[in-house]
């Protein structure tokens, strides 16, 4: 995975907060500290994401081979 720009990270975290998946806590200190944590709803997606991760790791060679076949035809 490549680098994520601060703008993309901020937008992603805002969307996750809006969806109820993360909770944002701001601490009034210098410099300001902001923490994010998963909500109960957010923790509920951990198991399905783990299943997807395992599937991806198992099938990445097939996906890469399919990409190579596709690109060779272009």
PDB file of N, CA and C in Angstrom:
ATOM      1  N   UNK A   1       0.849  -1.164   0.000  1.00  0.00           N
ATOM      2  CA  UNK A   1       0.000   0.000   0.000  1.00  0.00           C
ATOM      3  C   UNK A   1       0.898   1.231   0.000  1.00  0.00           C
ATOM      4  N   UNK A   2       0.546   2.189  -0.817  1.00  0.00           N
ATOM      5  CA  UNK A   2       1.328   3.410  -0.911  1.00  0.00           C
ATOM      6  C   UNK A   2       1.003   4.385   0.199  1.00  0.00           C
ATOM      7  N   UNK A   3       1.646   5.514   0.138  1.00  0.00           N
ATOM      8  CA  UNK A   3       1.429   6.560   1.138  1.00  0.00           C
ATOM      9  C   UNK A   3       0.030   7.167   0.985  1.00  0.00           C
ATOM     10  N   UNK A   4      -0.522   7.582   2.089  1.00  0.00           N
ATOM     11  CA  UNK A   4      -1.832   8.244   2.102  1.00  0.00           C
ATOM     12  C   UNK A   4      -1.604   9.704   2.445  1.00  0.00           C
ATOM     13  N   UNK A   5      -2.168  10.587   1.640  1.00  0.00           N
ATOM     14  CA  UNK A   5      -2.005  12.016   1.916  1.00  0.00           C
ATOM     15  C   UNK A   5      -2.845  12.398   3.138  1.00  0.00           C
ATOM     16  N   UNK A   6      -2.438  13.445   3.848  1.00  0.00           N
ATOM     17  CA  UNK A   6      -3.230  13.890   5.002  1.00  0.00           C
ATOM     18  C   UNK A   6      -4.682  14.200   4.632  1.00  0.00           C
ATOM     19  N   UNK A   7      -4.896  14.778   3.446  1.00  0.00           N
ATOM     20  CA  UNK A   7      -6.256  15.119   3.025  1.00  0.00           C
ATOM     21  C   UNK A   7      -7.108  13.863   2.856  1.00  0.00           C
ATOM     22  N   UNK A   8      -6.549  12.846   2.217  1.00  0.00           N
ATOM     23  CA  UNK A   8      -7.292  11.592   2.014  1.00  0.00           C
ATOM     24  C   UNK A   8      -7.563  10.921   3.358  1.00  0.00           C
ATOM     25  N   UNK A   9      -6.568  10.909   4.246  1.00  0.00           N
ATOM     26  CA  UNK A   9      -6.755  10.317   5.565  1.00  0.00           C
ATOM     27  C   UNK A   9      -7.848  11.039   6.343  1.00  0.00           C
ATOM     28  N   UNK A  10      -7.815  12.368   6.325  1.00  0.00           N
ATOM     29  CA  UNK A  10      -8.833  13.158   7.027  1.00  0.00           C
ATOM     30  C   UNK A  10     -10.224  12.873   6.480  1.00  0.00           C
ATOM     31  N   UNK A  11     -10.366  12.869   5.156  1.00  0.00           N
ATOM     32  CA  UNK A  11     -11.674  12.587   4.554  1.00  0.00           C
ATOM     33  C   UNK A  11     -12.164  11.188   4.887  1.00  0.00           C
ATOM     34  N   UNK A  12     -11.260  10.222   4.859  1.00  0.00           N
ATOM     35  CA  UNK A  12     -11.639   8.837   5.174  1.00  0.00           C
ATOM     36  C   UNK A  12     -12.090   8.720   6.616  1.00  0.00           C
ATOM     37  N   UNK A  13     -11.340   9.315   7.544  1.00  0.00           N
ATOM     38  CA  UNK A  13     -11.718   9.262   8.953  1.00  0.00           C
ATOM     39  C   UNK A  13     -13.043   9.974   9.209  1.00  0.00           C
ATOM     40  N   UNK A  14     -13.267  11.097   8.550  1.00  0.00           N
ATOM     41  CA  UNK A  14     -14.554  11.797   8.699  1.00  0.00           C
ATOM     42  C   UNK A  14     -15.712  10.932   8.221  1.00  0.00           C
ATOM     43  N   UNK A  15     -15.522  10.264   7.088  1.00  0.00           N
ATOM     44  CA  UNK A  15     -16.568   9.387   6.574  1.00  0.00           C
ATOM     45  C   UNK A  15     -16.815   8.199   7.502  1.00  0.00           C
ATOM     46  N   UNK A  16     -15.750   7.634   8.046  1.00  0.00           N
ATOM     47  CA  UNK A  16     -15.915   6.522   8.986  1.00  0.00           C
ATOM     48  C   UNK A  16     -16.632   6.984  10.258  1.00  0.00           C
ATOM     49  N   UNK A  17     -16.324   8.199  10.702  1.00  0.00           N
ATOM     50  CA  UNK A  17     -17.016   8.761  11.871  1.00  0.00           C
ATOM     51  C   UNK A  17     -18.486   9.003  11.535  1.00  0.00           C
ATOM     52  N   UNK A  18     -18.747   9.554  10.379  1.00  0.00           N
ATOM     53  CA  UNK A  18     -20.121   9.825   9.941  1.00  0.00           C
ATOM     54  C   UNK A  18     -20.935   8.540   9.869  1.00  0.00           C
ATOM     55  N   UNK A  19     -20.287   7.457   9.427  1.00  0.00           N
ATOM     56  CA  UNK A  19     -20.960   6.165   9.305  1.00  0.00           C
ATOM     57  C   UNK A  19     -21.116   5.445  10.643  1.00  0.00           C
ATOM     58  N   UNK A  20     -20.521   6.005  11.687  1.00  0.00           N
ATOM     59  CA  UNK A  20     -20.639   5.391  13.008  1.00  0.00           C
ATOM     60  C   UNK A  20     -19.646   4.276  13.267  1.00  0.00           C
ATOM     61  N   UNK A  21     -18.595   4.197  12.448  1.00  0.00           N
ATOM     62  CA  UNK A  21     -17.614   3.117  12.602  1.00  0.00           C
ATOM     63  C   UNK A  21     -16.456   3.492  13.517  1.00  0.00           C
ATOM     64  N   UNK A  22     -16.154   4.785  13.606  1.00  0.00           N
ATOM     65  CA  UNK A  22     -15.111   5.253  14.521  1.00  0.00           C
ATOM     66  C   UNK A  22     -15.633   6.414  15.347  1.00  0.00           C
ATOM     67  N   UNK A  23     -15.026   6.580  16.511  1.00  0.00           N
ATOM     68  CA  UNK A  23     -15.342   7.709  17.385  1.00  0.00           C
ATOM     69  C   UNK A  23     -14.090   8.567  17.486  1.00  0.00           C
ATOM     70  N   UNK A  24     -14.267   9.859  17.356  1.00  0.00           N
ATOM     71  CA  UNK A  24     -13.169  10.826  17.399  1.00  0.00           C
ATOM     72  C   UNK A  24     -13.212  11.539  18.739  1.00  0.00           C
ATOM     73  N   UNK A  25     -12.052  11.592  19.401  1.00  0.00           N
ATOM     74  CA  UNK A  25     -11.930  12.308  20.661  1.00  0.00           C
ATOM     75  C   UNK A  25     -10.818  13.342  20.526  1.00  0.00           C
ATOM     76  N   UNK A  26     -11.153  14.606  20.824  1.00  0.00           N
ATOM     77  CA  UNK A  26     -10.184  15.702  20.735  1.00  0.00           C
ATOM     78  C   UNK A  26      -9.779  16.091  22.151  1.00  0.00           C
ATOM     79  N   UNK A  27      -8.470  16.205  22.376  1.00  0.00           N
ATOM     80  CA  UNK A  27      -7.930  16.604  23.676  1.00  0.00           C
ATOM     81  C   UNK A  27      -7.399  18.027  23.569  1.00  0.00           C
ATOM     82  N   UNK A  28      -7.864  18.895  24.465  1.00  0.00           N
ATOM     83  CA  UNK A  28      -7.458  20.308  24.467  1.00  0.00           C
ATOM     84  C   UNK A  28      -6.085  20.432  25.110  1.00  0.00           C
ATOM     85  N   UNK A  29      -5.080  20.236  24.305  1.00  0.00           N
ATOM     86  CA  UNK A  29      -3.702  20.392  24.767  1.00  0.00           C
ATOM     87  C   UNK A  29      -2.905  20.976  23.611  1.00  0.00           C
ATOM     88  N   UNK A  30      -1.677  21.343  23.879  1.00  0.00           N
ATOM     89  CA  UNK A  30      -0.830  21.920  22.852  1.00  0.00           C
ATOM     90  C   UNK A  30       0.340  20.983  22.615  1.00  0.00           C
ATOM     91  N   UNK A  31       0.494  20.470  21.412  1.00  0.00           N
ATOM     92  CA  UNK A  31      -0.441  20.587  20.291  1.00  0.00           C
ATOM     93  C   UNK A  31      -1.704  19.753  20.557  1.00  0.00           C
ATOM     94  N   UNK A  32      -2.764  20.090  19.835  1.00  0.00           N
ATOM     95  CA  UNK A  32      -4.025  19.364  19.984  1.00  0.00           C
ATOM     96  C   UNK A  32      -3.797  17.900  19.634  1.00  0.00           C
ATOM     97  N   UNK A  33      -4.385  17.033  20.436  1.00  0.00           N
ATOM     98  CA  UNK A  33      -4.290  15.594  20.180  1.00  0.00           C
ATOM     99  C   UNK A  33      -5.672  15.083  19.823  1.00  0.00           C
ATOM    100  N   UNK A  34      -5.725  14.250  18.782  1.00  0.00           N
ATOM    101  CA  UNK A  34      -6.985  13.648  18.352  1.00  0.00           C
ATOM    102  C   UNK A  34      -6.788  12.139  18.298  1.00  0.00           C
ATOM    103  N   UNK A  35      -7.671  11.413  18.961  1.00  0.00           N
ATOM    104  CA  UNK A  35      -7.637   9.952  18.926  1.00  0.00           C
ATOM    105  C   UNK A  35      -8.875   9.436  18.215  1.00  0.00           C
ATOM    106  N   UNK A  36      -8.703   8.327  17.528  1.00  0.00           N
ATOM    107  CA  UNK A  36      -9.814   7.637  16.882  1.00  0.00           C
ATOM    108  C   UNK A  36      -9.846   6.216  17.412  1.00  0.00           C
ATOM    109  N   UNK A  37     -11.061   5.726  17.658  1.00  0.00           N
ATOM    110  CA  UNK A  37     -11.199   4.327  18.060  1.00  0.00           C
ATOM    111  C   UNK A  37     -12.451   3.757  17.416  1.00  0.00           C
ATOM    112  N   UNK A  38     -12.422   2.447  17.221  1.00  0.00           N
ATOM    113  CA  UNK A  38     -13.579   1.781  16.643  1.00  0.00           C
ATOM    114  C   UNK A  38     -14.747   1.802  17.622  1.00  0.00           C
ATOM    115  N   UNK A  39     -15.930   2.004  17.085  1.00  0.00           N
ATOM    116  CA  UNK A  39     -17.148   1.883  17.877  1.00  0.00           C
ATOM    117  C   UNK A  39     -17.545   0.400  17.893  1.00  0.00           C
ATOM    118  N   UNK A  40     -18.628   0.073  18.609  1.00  0.00           N
ATOM    119  CA  UNK A  40     -19.132  -1.295  18.571  1.00  0.00           C
ATOM    120  C   UNK A  40     -19.467  -1.701  17.139  1.00  0.00           C
ATOM    121  N   UNK A  41     -20.076  -0.784  16.394  1.00  0.00           N
ATOM    122  CA  UNK A  41     -20.403  -1.057  14.996  1.00  0.00           C
ATOM    123  C   UNK A  41     -19.129  -1.311  14.199  1.00  0.00           C
ATOM    124  N   UNK A  42     -18.114  -0.518  14.421  1.00  0.00           N
ATOM    125  CA  UNK A  42     -16.834  -0.682  13.731  1.00  0.00           C
ATOM    126  C   UNK A  42     -16.164  -2.002  14.068  1.00  0.00           C
ATOM    127  N   UNK A  43     -16.219  -2.396  15.347  1.00  0.00           N
ATOM    128  CA  UNK A  43     -15.629  -3.670  15.739  1.00  0.00           C
ATOM    129  C   UNK A  43     -16.365  -4.840  15.098  1.00  0.00           C
ATOM    130  N   UNK A  44     -17.641  -4.631  14.776  1.00  0.00           N
ATOM    131  CA  UNK A  44     -18.422  -5.683  14.150  1.00  0.00           C
ATOM    132  C   UNK A  44     -17.959  -6.043  12.750  1.00  0.00           C
ATOM    133  N   UNK A  45     -17.184  -5.173  12.120  1.00  0.00           N
ATOM    134  CA  UNK A  45     -16.705  -5.449  10.764  1.00  0.00           C
ATOM    135  C   UNK A  45     -15.341  -6.141  10.764  1.00  0.00           C
ATOM    136  N   UNK A  46     -14.718  -6.280  11.930  1.00  0.00           N
ATOM    137  CA  UNK A  46     -13.384  -6.871  11.992  1.00  0.00           C
ATOM    138  C   UNK A  46     -13.364  -8.315  11.489  1.00  0.00           C
ATOM    139  N   UNK A  47     -14.325  -9.129  11.901  1.00  0.00           N
ATOM    140  CA  UNK A  47     -14.335 -10.540  11.481  1.00  0.00           C
ATOM    141  C   UNK A  47     -14.541 -10.681   9.974  1.00  0.00           C
ATOM    142  N   UNK A  48     -15.537  -9.994   9.382  1.00  0.00           N
ATOM    143  CA  UNK A  48     -15.655 -10.097   7.914  1.00  0.00           C
ATOM    144  C   UNK A  48     -14.415  -9.593   7.180  1.00  0.00           C
ATOM    145  N   UNK A  49     -13.768  -8.558   7.693  1.00  0.00           N
ATOM    146  CA  UNK A  49     -12.556  -8.042   7.054  1.00  0.00           C
ATOM    147  C   UNK A  49     -11.413  -9.052   7.147  1.00  0.00           C
ATOM    148  N   UNK A  50     -11.336  -9.774   8.253  1.00  0.00           N
ATOM    149  CA  UNK A  50     -10.303 -10.802   8.403  1.00  0.00           C
ATOM    150  C   UNK A  50     -10.515 -11.917   7.382  1.00  0.00           C
ATOM    151  N   UNK A  51     -11.765 -12.291   7.167  1.00  0.00           N
ATOM    152  CA  UNK A  51     -12.075 -13.318   6.165  1.00  0.00           C
ATOM    153  C   UNK A  51     -11.651 -12.833   4.776  1.00  0.00           C
ATOM    154  N   UNK A  52     -11.948 -11.581   4.468  1.00  0.00           N
ATOM    155  CA  UNK A  52     -11.551 -11.002   3.180  1.00  0.00           C
ATOM    156  C   UNK A  52     -10.028 -10.958   3.053  1.00  0.00           C
ATOM    157  N   UNK A  53      -9.326 -10.604   4.121  1.00  0.00           N
ATOM    158  CA  UNK A  53      -7.862 -10.573   4.097  1.00  0.00           C
ATOM    159  C   UNK A  53      -7.288 -11.948   3.800  1.00  0.00           C
ATOM    160  N   UNK A  54      -7.813 -12.970   4.465  1.00  0.00           N
ATOM    161  CA  UNK A  54      -7.321 -14.330   4.243  1.00  0.00           C
ATOM    162  C   UNK A  54      -7.582 -14.781   2.807  1.00  0.00           C
ATOM    163  N   UNK A  55      -8.777 -14.462   2.294  1.00  0.00           N
ATOM    164  CA  UNK A  55      -9.094 -14.819   0.905  1.00  0.00           C
ATOM    165  C   UNK A  55      -8.124 -14.128  -0.046  1.00  0.00           C
ATOM    166  N   UNK A  56      -7.874 -12.846   0.199  1.00  0.00           N
ATOM    167  CA  UNK A  56      -6.985 -12.074  -0.663  1.00  0.00           C
ATOM    168  C   UNK A  56      -5.580 -12.649  -0.674  1.00  0.00           C
ATOM    169  N   UNK A  57      -5.060 -12.974   0.494  1.00  0.00           N
ATOM    170  CA  UNK A  57      -3.712 -13.537   0.570  1.00  0.00           C
ATOM    171  C   UNK A  57      -3.624 -14.864  -0.178  1.00  0.00           C
ATOM    172  N   UNK A  58      -4.664 -15.662  -0.085  1.00  0.00           N
ATOM    173  CA  UNK A  58      -4.667 -16.965  -0.745  1.00  0.00           C
ATOM    174  C   UNK A  58      -4.761 -16.831  -2.264  1.00  0.00           C
ATOM    175  N   UNK A  59      -5.492 -15.838  -2.737  1.00  0.00           N
ATOM    176  CA  UNK A  59      -5.778 -15.733  -4.157  1.00  0.00           C
ATOM    177  C   UNK A  59      -4.976 -14.682  -4.916  1.00  0.00           C
ATOM    178  N   UNK A  60      -4.099 -13.966  -4.243  1.00  0.00           N
ATOM    179  CA  UNK A  60      -3.345 -12.903  -4.929  1.00  0.00           C
ATOM    180  C   UNK A  60      -2.553 -13.435  -6.125  1.00  0.00           C
ATOM    181  N   UNK A  61      -1.948 -14.613  -6.075  1.00  0.00           N
ATOM    182  CA  UNK A  61      -1.239 -15.088  -7.276  1.00  0.00           C
ATOM    183  C   UNK A  61      -2.179 -15.241  -8.482  1.00  0.00           C
ATOM    184  N   UNK A  62      -3.390 -15.716  -8.245  1.00  0.00           N
ATOM    185  CA  UNK A  62      -4.351 -15.875  -9.335  1.00  0.00           C
ATOM    186  C   UNK A  62      -4.784 -14.517  -9.885  1.00  0.00           C
ATOM    187  N   UNK A  63      -4.964 -13.547  -9.004  1.00  0.00           N
ATOM    188  CA  UNK A  63      -5.355 -12.201  -9.434  1.00  0.00           C
ATOM    189  C   UNK A  63      -4.243 -11.573 -10.271  1.00  0.00           C
ATOM    190  N   UNK A  64      -3.012 -11.709  -9.813  1.00  0.00           N
ATOM    191  CA  UNK A  64      -1.886 -11.137 -10.559  1.00  0.00           C
ATOM    192  C   UNK A  64      -1.732 -11.805 -11.923  1.00  0.00           C
ATOM    193  N   UNK A  65      -1.935 -13.115 -11.976  1.00  0.00           N
ATOM    194  CA  UNK A  65      -1.859 -13.834 -13.253  1.00  0.00           C
ATOM    195  C   UNK A  65      -2.965 -13.372 -14.191  1.00  0.00           C
ATOM    196  N   UNK A  66      -4.154 -13.167 -13.661  1.00  0.00           N
ATOM    197  CA  UNK A  66      -5.269 -12.694 -14.481  1.00  0.00           C
ATOM    198  C   UNK A  66      -4.970 -11.299 -15.033  1.00  0.00           C
ATOM    199  N   UNK A  67      -4.366 -10.452 -14.232  1.00  0.00           N
ATOM    200  CA  UNK A  67      -4.003  -9.109 -14.694  1.00  0.00           C
ATOM    201  C   UNK A  67      -3.003  -9.188 -15.841  1.00  0.00           C
ATOM    202  N   UNK A  68      -2.011 -10.064 -15.669  1.00  0.00           N
ATOM    203  CA  UNK A  68      -0.992 -10.207 -16.717  1.00  0.00           C
ATOM    204  C   UNK A  68      -1.618 -10.705 -18.013  1.00  0.00           C
ATOM    205  N   UNK A  69      -2.512 -11.679 -17.939  1.00  0.00           N
ATOM    206  CA  UNK A  69      -3.195 -12.182 -19.132  1.00  0.00           C
ATOM    207  C   UNK A  69      -4.016 -11.074 -19.795  1.00  0.00           C
ATOM    208  N   UNK A  70      -4.737 -10.332 -18.983  1.00  0.00           N
ATOM    209  CA  UNK A  70      -5.563  -9.240 -19.498  1.00  0.00           C
ATOM    210  C   UNK A  70      -4.704  -8.185 -20.175  1.00  0.00           C
ATOM    211  N   UNK A  71      -3.642  -7.749 -19.487  1.00  0.00           N
ATOM    212  CA  UNK A  71      -2.775  -6.704 -20.032  1.00  0.00           C
ATOM    213  C   UNK A  71      -2.065  -7.155 -21.300  1.00  0.00           C
ATOM    214  N   UNK A  72      -1.738  -8.433 -21.403  1.00  0.00           N
ATOM    215  CA  UNK A  72      -1.069  -8.949 -22.597  1.00  0.00           C
ATOM    216  C   UNK A  72      -1.966  -8.856 -23.822  1.00  0.00           C
ATOM    217  N   UNK A  73      -3.254  -8.848 -23.642  1.00  0.00           N
ATOM    218  CA  UNK A  73      -4.203  -8.759 -24.749  1.00  0.00           C
ATOM    219  C   UNK A  73      -4.443  -7.329 -25.191  1.00  0.00           C
ATOM    220  N   UNK A  74      -3.992  -6.379 -24.438  1.00  0.00           N
ATOM    221  CA  UNK A  74      -4.223  -4.957 -24.743  1.00  0.00           C
ATOM    222  C   UNK A  74      -3.107  -4.374 -25.535  1.00  0.00           C
TER     223      UNK A  74
END
